[in-house]
């Protein structure tokens, strides 16, 4: 493996890396969810059922940390294996999910969703590009890194 895209906590300190992107999270709520009015509150976060991202073996995410920190008591959450399905698991339900903003905005164009800024601080989603130090000047790795940055630059704000 010559190159990885990964969060900072998975990066290896002995190999070079660079920021690919950083993005805030928003909460996605079904447009018809009558339990949430015009504003999302910490009390909503404590009581409503959540859809939570889970990668294989348990890894704490900003969402699971937030639920623990606020004293979540909304029951067993629904688990999703990737970011892309989070909005689908929220639409037409009383569930809520913490979703990267760009993904949430795109999903809200095809699903009946409302998006809210978190009522408490949530760390941004951060992804790095990391490569083995032995391929630091490899033209192919430099080319892929450039392509990744160009693709991210084309994403809607």
C-alpha atoms as a PDB file:
ATOM      1  CA  UNK A   1       0.000   0.000   0.000  1.00  0.00           C
ATOM      2  CA  UNK A   2       1.550   3.252  -1.118  1.00  0.00           C
ATOM      3  CA  UNK A   3      -1.098   5.703   0.039  1.00  0.00           C
ATOM      4  CA  UNK A   4      -3.983   5.841   2.522  1.00  0.00           C
ATOM      5  CA  UNK A   5      -6.825   8.243   3.296  1.00  0.00           C
ATOM      6  CA  UNK A   6      -7.499   8.070   7.024  1.00  0.00           C
ATOM      7  CA  UNK A   7      -8.383  10.065  10.140  1.00  0.00           C
ATOM      8  CA  UNK A   8      -5.504  11.506  12.172  1.00  0.00           C
ATOM      9  CA  UNK A   9      -5.862   9.009  15.028  1.00  0.00           C
ATOM     10  CA  UNK A  10      -5.119   6.187  12.565  1.00  0.00           C
ATOM     11  CA  UNK A  11      -2.058   7.878  11.004  1.00  0.00           C
ATOM     12  CA  UNK A  12       1.426   6.574  11.756  1.00  0.00           C
ATOM     13  CA  UNK A  13       3.844   9.170  13.141  1.00  0.00           C
ATOM     14  CA  UNK A  14       6.850   7.774  11.258  1.00  0.00           C
ATOM     15  CA  UNK A  15       5.448   8.437   7.776  1.00  0.00           C
ATOM     16  CA  UNK A  16       4.544  11.675   6.014  1.00  0.00           C
ATOM     17  CA  UNK A  17       0.951  12.863   5.794  1.00  0.00           C
ATOM     18  CA  UNK A  18      -0.986  15.931   4.757  1.00  0.00           C
ATOM     19  CA  UNK A  19      -4.458  17.289   5.335  1.00  0.00           C
ATOM     20  CA  UNK A  20      -6.927  16.248   2.637  1.00  0.00           C
ATOM     21  CA  UNK A  21      -9.979  17.977   4.093  1.00  0.00           C
ATOM     22  CA  UNK A  22     -11.685  19.138   7.246  1.00  0.00           C
ATOM     23  CA  UNK A  23     -15.417  19.541   7.486  1.00  0.00           C
ATOM     24  CA  UNK A  24     -17.962  20.296  10.197  1.00  0.00           C
ATOM     25  CA  UNK A  25     -20.771  17.937  11.122  1.00  0.00           C
ATOM     26  CA  UNK A  26     -24.483  18.764  11.194  1.00  0.00           C
ATOM     27  CA  UNK A  27     -27.409  16.837  12.606  1.00  0.00           C
ATOM     28  CA  UNK A  28     -29.872  15.433  10.094  1.00  0.00           C
ATOM     29  CA  UNK A  29     -33.487  15.170  11.235  1.00  0.00           C
ATOM     30  CA  UNK A  30     -36.479  13.999   9.187  1.00  0.00           C
ATOM     31  CA  UNK A  31     -38.498  16.932   7.888  1.00  0.00           C
ATOM     32  CA  UNK A  32     -41.628  15.387   9.420  1.00  0.00           C
ATOM     33  CA  UNK A  33     -40.080  14.778  12.836  1.00  0.00           C
ATOM     34  CA  UNK A  34     -42.593  16.562  15.107  1.00  0.00           C
ATOM     35  CA  UNK A  35     -40.391  16.069  18.165  1.00  0.00           C
ATOM     36  CA  UNK A  36     -37.925  18.688  16.885  1.00  0.00           C
ATOM     37  CA  UNK A  37     -39.126  22.215  16.318  1.00  0.00           C
ATOM     38  CA  UNK A  38     -37.133  25.061  14.798  1.00  0.00           C
ATOM     39  CA  UNK A  39     -34.132  24.439  17.004  1.00  0.00           C
ATOM     40  CA  UNK A  40     -32.254  21.256  17.960  1.00  0.00           C
ATOM     41  CA  UNK A  41     -31.355  21.162  21.649  1.00  0.00           C
ATOM     42  CA  UNK A  42     -29.180  19.034  23.903  1.00  0.00           C
ATOM     43  CA  UNK A  43     -32.396  17.593  25.344  1.00  0.00           C
ATOM     44  CA  UNK A  44     -33.333  16.351  21.853  1.00  0.00           C
ATOM     45  CA  UNK A  45     -29.908  14.723  21.609  1.00  0.00           C
ATOM     46  CA  UNK A  46     -30.423  12.997  24.953  1.00  0.00           C
ATOM     47  CA  UNK A  47     -33.908  11.642  24.215  1.00  0.00           C
ATOM     48  CA  UNK A  48     -34.249  10.966  20.485  1.00  0.00           C
ATOM     49  CA  UNK A  49     -33.024   7.721  18.904  1.00  0.00           C
ATOM     50  CA  UNK A  50     -29.798   8.097  16.953  1.00  0.00           C
ATOM     51  CA  UNK A  51     -28.210   6.537  13.911  1.00  0.00           C
ATOM     52  CA  UNK A  52     -24.543   6.075  14.776  1.00  0.00           C
ATOM     53  CA  UNK A  53     -21.605   5.311  12.515  1.00  0.00           C
ATOM     54  CA  UNK A  54     -19.725   2.166  13.444  1.00  0.00           C
ATOM     55  CA  UNK A  55     -16.658   0.805  11.652  1.00  0.00           C
ATOM     56  CA  UNK A  56     -16.359  -2.932  12.333  1.00  0.00           C
ATOM     57  CA  UNK A  57     -14.928  -3.446  15.790  1.00  0.00           C
ATOM     58  CA  UNK A  58     -15.982  -0.610  18.050  1.00  0.00           C
ATOM     59  CA  UNK A  59     -14.120   2.636  17.524  1.00  0.00           C
ATOM     60  CA  UNK A  60     -15.212   5.785  19.294  1.00  0.00           C
ATOM     61  CA  UNK A  61     -16.462   8.436  16.887  1.00  0.00           C
ATOM     62  CA  UNK A  62     -17.323  12.085  17.545  1.00  0.00           C
ATOM     63  CA  UNK A  63     -20.971  10.999  17.669  1.00  0.00           C
ATOM     64  CA  UNK A  64     -20.524   8.182  20.209  1.00  0.00           C
ATOM     65  CA  UNK A  65     -18.327  10.439  22.362  1.00  0.00           C
ATOM     66  CA  UNK A  66     -20.979  13.166  22.240  1.00  0.00           C
ATOM     67  CA  UNK A  67     -23.717  10.723  23.276  1.00  0.00           C
ATOM     68  CA  UNK A  68     -21.648   9.520  26.210  1.00  0.00           C
ATOM     69  CA  UNK A  69     -20.745  13.085  27.272  1.00  0.00           C
ATOM     70  CA  UNK A  70     -24.358  14.355  27.274  1.00  0.00           C
ATOM     71  CA  UNK A  71     -25.830  11.345  29.081  1.00  0.00           C
ATOM     72  CA  UNK A  72     -27.756   9.856  26.150  1.00  0.00           C
ATOM     73  CA  UNK A  73     -30.779   7.853  27.246  1.00  0.00           C
ATOM     74  CA  UNK A  74     -32.643   7.393  23.964  1.00  0.00           C
ATOM     75  CA  UNK A  75     -32.221   3.636  23.791  1.00  0.00           C
ATOM     76  CA  UNK A  76     -30.087   1.444  21.591  1.00  0.00           C
ATOM     77  CA  UNK A  77     -28.987   3.404  18.521  1.00  0.00           C
ATOM     78  CA  UNK A  78     -29.192   2.156  14.956  1.00  0.00           C
ATOM     79  CA  UNK A  79     -25.714   1.451  13.599  1.00  0.00           C
ATOM     80  CA  UNK A  80     -24.577   2.303  10.074  1.00  0.00           C
ATOM     81  CA  UNK A  81     -21.365   1.094   8.466  1.00  0.00           C
ATOM     82  CA  UNK A  82     -20.659   4.206   6.388  1.00  0.00           C
ATOM     83  CA  UNK A  83     -21.454   7.901   6.243  1.00  0.00           C
ATOM     84  CA  UNK A  84     -23.432   7.665   3.000  1.00  0.00           C
ATOM     85  CA  UNK A  85     -26.387   5.756   4.492  1.00  0.00           C
ATOM     86  CA  UNK A  86     -26.817   7.905   7.611  1.00  0.00           C
ATOM     87  CA  UNK A  87     -29.348  10.299   6.000  1.00  0.00           C
ATOM     88  CA  UNK A  88     -31.376   7.391   4.568  1.00  0.00           C
ATOM     89  CA  UNK A  89     -31.665   5.853   8.039  1.00  0.00           C
ATOM     90  CA  UNK A  90     -33.063   9.162   9.358  1.00  0.00           C
ATOM     91  CA  UNK A  91     -35.604  10.054   6.638  1.00  0.00           C
ATOM     92  CA  UNK A  92     -39.226   9.477   7.654  1.00  0.00           C
ATOM     93  CA  UNK A  93     -38.285   8.422  11.228  1.00  0.00           C
ATOM     94  CA  UNK A  94     -37.819  10.057  14.622  1.00  0.00           C
ATOM     95  CA  UNK A  95     -34.081   9.253  14.515  1.00  0.00           C
ATOM     96  CA  UNK A  96     -31.300  11.805  14.164  1.00  0.00           C
ATOM     97  CA  UNK A  97     -27.730  11.431  12.912  1.00  0.00           C
ATOM     98  CA  UNK A  98     -24.492  13.387  12.956  1.00  0.00           C
ATOM     99  CA  UNK A  99     -23.491  13.723   9.295  1.00  0.00           C
ATOM    100  CA  UNK A 100     -20.658  15.539   7.487  1.00  0.00           C
ATOM    101  CA  UNK A 101     -22.139  18.819   6.211  1.00  0.00           C
ATOM    102  CA  UNK A 102     -21.448  18.329   2.487  1.00  0.00           C
ATOM    103  CA  UNK A 103     -23.011  14.869   2.523  1.00  0.00           C
ATOM    104  CA  UNK A 104     -25.987  16.111   4.556  1.00  0.00           C
ATOM    105  CA  UNK A 105     -26.649  18.995   2.135  1.00  0.00           C
ATOM    106  CA  UNK A 106     -26.551  16.638  -0.845  1.00  0.00           C
ATOM    107  CA  UNK A 107     -28.860  14.152   0.903  1.00  0.00           C
ATOM    108  CA  UNK A 108     -31.321  16.930   1.799  1.00  0.00           C
ATOM    109  CA  UNK A 109     -31.827  17.523  -1.939  1.00  0.00           C
ATOM    110  CA  UNK A 110     -33.180  13.982  -2.400  1.00  0.00           C
ATOM    111  CA  UNK A 111     -34.645  13.195   1.040  1.00  0.00           C
ATOM    112  CA  UNK A 112     -37.056  15.105   3.307  1.00  0.00           C
ATOM    113  CA  UNK A 113     -34.497  16.258   5.884  1.00  0.00           C
ATOM    114  CA  UNK A 114     -33.798  19.268   8.051  1.00  0.00           C
ATOM    115  CA  UNK A 115     -30.215  20.062   9.006  1.00  0.00           C
ATOM    116  CA  UNK A 116     -29.096  21.616  12.289  1.00  0.00           C
ATOM    117  CA  UNK A 117     -25.774  22.806  13.619  1.00  0.00           C
ATOM    118  CA  UNK A 118     -24.871  20.813  16.734  1.00  0.00           C
ATOM    119  CA  UNK A 119     -26.101  22.492  19.941  1.00  0.00           C
ATOM    120  CA  UNK A 120     -22.797  21.514  21.589  1.00  0.00           C
ATOM    121  CA  UNK A 121     -19.226  21.546  20.227  1.00  0.00           C
ATOM    122  CA  UNK A 122     -18.393  18.590  17.969  1.00  0.00           C
ATOM    123  CA  UNK A 123     -14.931  18.118  16.440  1.00  0.00           C
ATOM    124  CA  UNK A 124     -14.758  18.423  12.669  1.00  0.00           C
ATOM    125  CA  UNK A 125     -14.336  15.439  10.407  1.00  0.00           C
ATOM    126  CA  UNK A 126     -10.638  15.415   9.426  1.00  0.00           C
ATOM    127  CA  UNK A 127      -9.094  13.155   6.790  1.00  0.00           C
ATOM    128  CA  UNK A 128      -5.403  12.914   5.932  1.00  0.00           C
ATOM    129  CA  UNK A 129      -3.484  11.449   3.053  1.00  0.00           C
ATOM    130  CA  UNK A 130      -0.583   9.341   4.285  1.00  0.00           C
ATOM    131  CA  UNK A 131       2.084   7.546   2.313  1.00  0.00           C
ATOM    132  CA  UNK A 132       5.121   5.463   3.121  1.00  0.00           C
ATOM    133  CA  UNK A 133       8.284   7.532   3.462  1.00  0.00           C
ATOM    134  CA  UNK A 134      10.005   5.344   0.844  1.00  0.00           C
ATOM    135  CA  UNK A 135       7.640   6.709  -1.850  1.00  0.00           C
ATOM    136  CA  UNK A 136       7.830  10.346  -0.780  1.00  0.00           C
ATOM    137  CA  UNK A 137       9.046  11.472  -4.220  1.00  0.00           C
ATOM    138  CA  UNK A 138       7.370   8.761  -6.291  1.00  0.00           C
ATOM    139  CA  UNK A 139       5.704  10.410  -9.342  1.00  0.00           C
ATOM    140  CA  UNK A 140       2.687   8.090  -9.168  1.00  0.00           C
ATOM    141  CA  UNK A 141       2.058   8.858  -5.485  1.00  0.00           C
ATOM    142  CA  UNK A 142       2.510  12.597  -6.118  1.00  0.00           C
ATOM    143  CA  UNK A 143       0.003  12.328  -8.990  1.00  0.00           C
ATOM    144  CA  UNK A 144      -2.619  10.509  -6.865  1.00  0.00           C
ATOM    145  CA  UNK A 145      -2.170  13.015  -4.030  1.00  0.00           C
ATOM    146  CA  UNK A 146      -2.710  15.864  -6.495  1.00  0.00           C
ATOM    147  CA  UNK A 147      -5.831  14.156  -7.923  1.00  0.00           C
ATOM    148  CA  UNK A 148      -7.287  13.706  -4.436  1.00  0.00           C
ATOM    149  CA  UNK A 149      -6.750  17.388  -3.620  1.00  0.00           C
ATOM    150  CA  UNK A 150      -8.298  18.427  -6.953  1.00  0.00           C
ATOM    151  CA  UNK A 151     -11.347  16.228  -6.294  1.00  0.00           C
ATOM    152  CA  UNK A 152     -11.845  17.700  -2.810  1.00  0.00           C
ATOM    153  CA  UNK A 153     -11.484  21.234  -4.210  1.00  0.00           C
ATOM    154  CA  UNK A 154     -14.429  20.534  -6.555  1.00  0.00           C
ATOM    155  CA  UNK A 155     -16.781  19.556  -3.726  1.00  0.00           C
ATOM    156  CA  UNK A 156     -19.570  22.041  -3.018  1.00  0.00           C
ATOM    157  CA  UNK A 157     -19.047  24.276   0.002  1.00  0.00           C
END
